[in-house]
Amino acid sequence: RIGDKVLIAETRPLSKTKNFVVVALMHGGLCACILLFLSSYLSYFLR
């Protein structure tokens, strides 16, 4: 069954690490965008 394969894939350490990296990259990208926005916002006002 497909469900069993998914379960096995999710319990594998490599898969967990890969998921963690993907989440971390998405989170990092979001933080970078916010920081970029804030810095440009501040530099606009402090000109």
Protein backbone atom coordinates (compact mmCIF):
# COMPACT_ATOMS: atom_id res chain seq x y z
CA ARG A 1 0.00 0.00 0.00
CA ILE A 2 1.04 3.60 -0.59
CA GLY A 3 0.38 4.55 3.04
CA ASP A 4 2.96 2.04 4.27
CA LYS A 5 5.60 3.44 1.91
CA VAL A 6 4.90 6.98 3.10
CA LEU A 7 5.18 5.87 6.73
CA ILE A 8 8.54 4.20 6.06
CA ALA A 9 9.79 7.26 4.19
CA GLU A 10 8.77 9.55 7.05
CA THR A 11 10.50 7.46 9.72
CA ARG A 12 13.79 7.49 7.81
CA PRO A 13 16.30 9.96 9.36
CA LEU A 14 17.37 11.23 5.94
CA SER A 15 13.80 12.20 5.10
CA LYS A 16 13.40 13.99 8.42
CA THR A 17 16.63 15.89 7.87
CA LYS A 18 15.55 16.84 4.35
CA ASN A 19 12.20 18.11 5.61
CA PHE A 20 13.97 20.09 8.35
CA VAL A 21 16.29 21.69 5.78
CA VAL A 22 13.36 22.62 3.54
CA VAL A 23 11.49 24.20 6.46
CA ALA A 24 14.63 26.00 7.63
CA LEU A 25 15.26 27.36 4.12
CA MET A 26 11.67 28.57 3.79
CA HIS A 27 11.87 30.15 7.24
CA GLY A 28 15.24 31.72 6.45
CA GLY A 29 13.93 33.11 3.18
CA LEU A 30 10.97 34.64 4.98
CA CYS A 31 13.21 36.20 7.64
CA ALA A 32 15.55 37.55 4.94
CA CYS A 33 12.63 39.16 3.12
CA ILE A 34 11.38 40.78 6.34
CA LEU A 35 14.87 42.07 7.23
CA LEU A 36 15.36 43.42 3.71
CA PHE A 37 11.98 45.15 3.84
CA LEU A 38 12.68 46.64 7.28
CA SER A 39 16.14 47.90 6.34
CA SER A 40 14.88 49.58 3.17
CA TYR A 41 11.94 51.01 5.14
CA LEU A 42 14.28 52.45 7.78
CA SER A 43 16.79 53.83 5.27
CA TYR A 44 13.89 55.56 3.50
CA PHE A 45 12.92 57.39 6.68
CA LEU A 46 16.45 58.10 7.92
CA ARG A 47 17.55 59.73 4.67
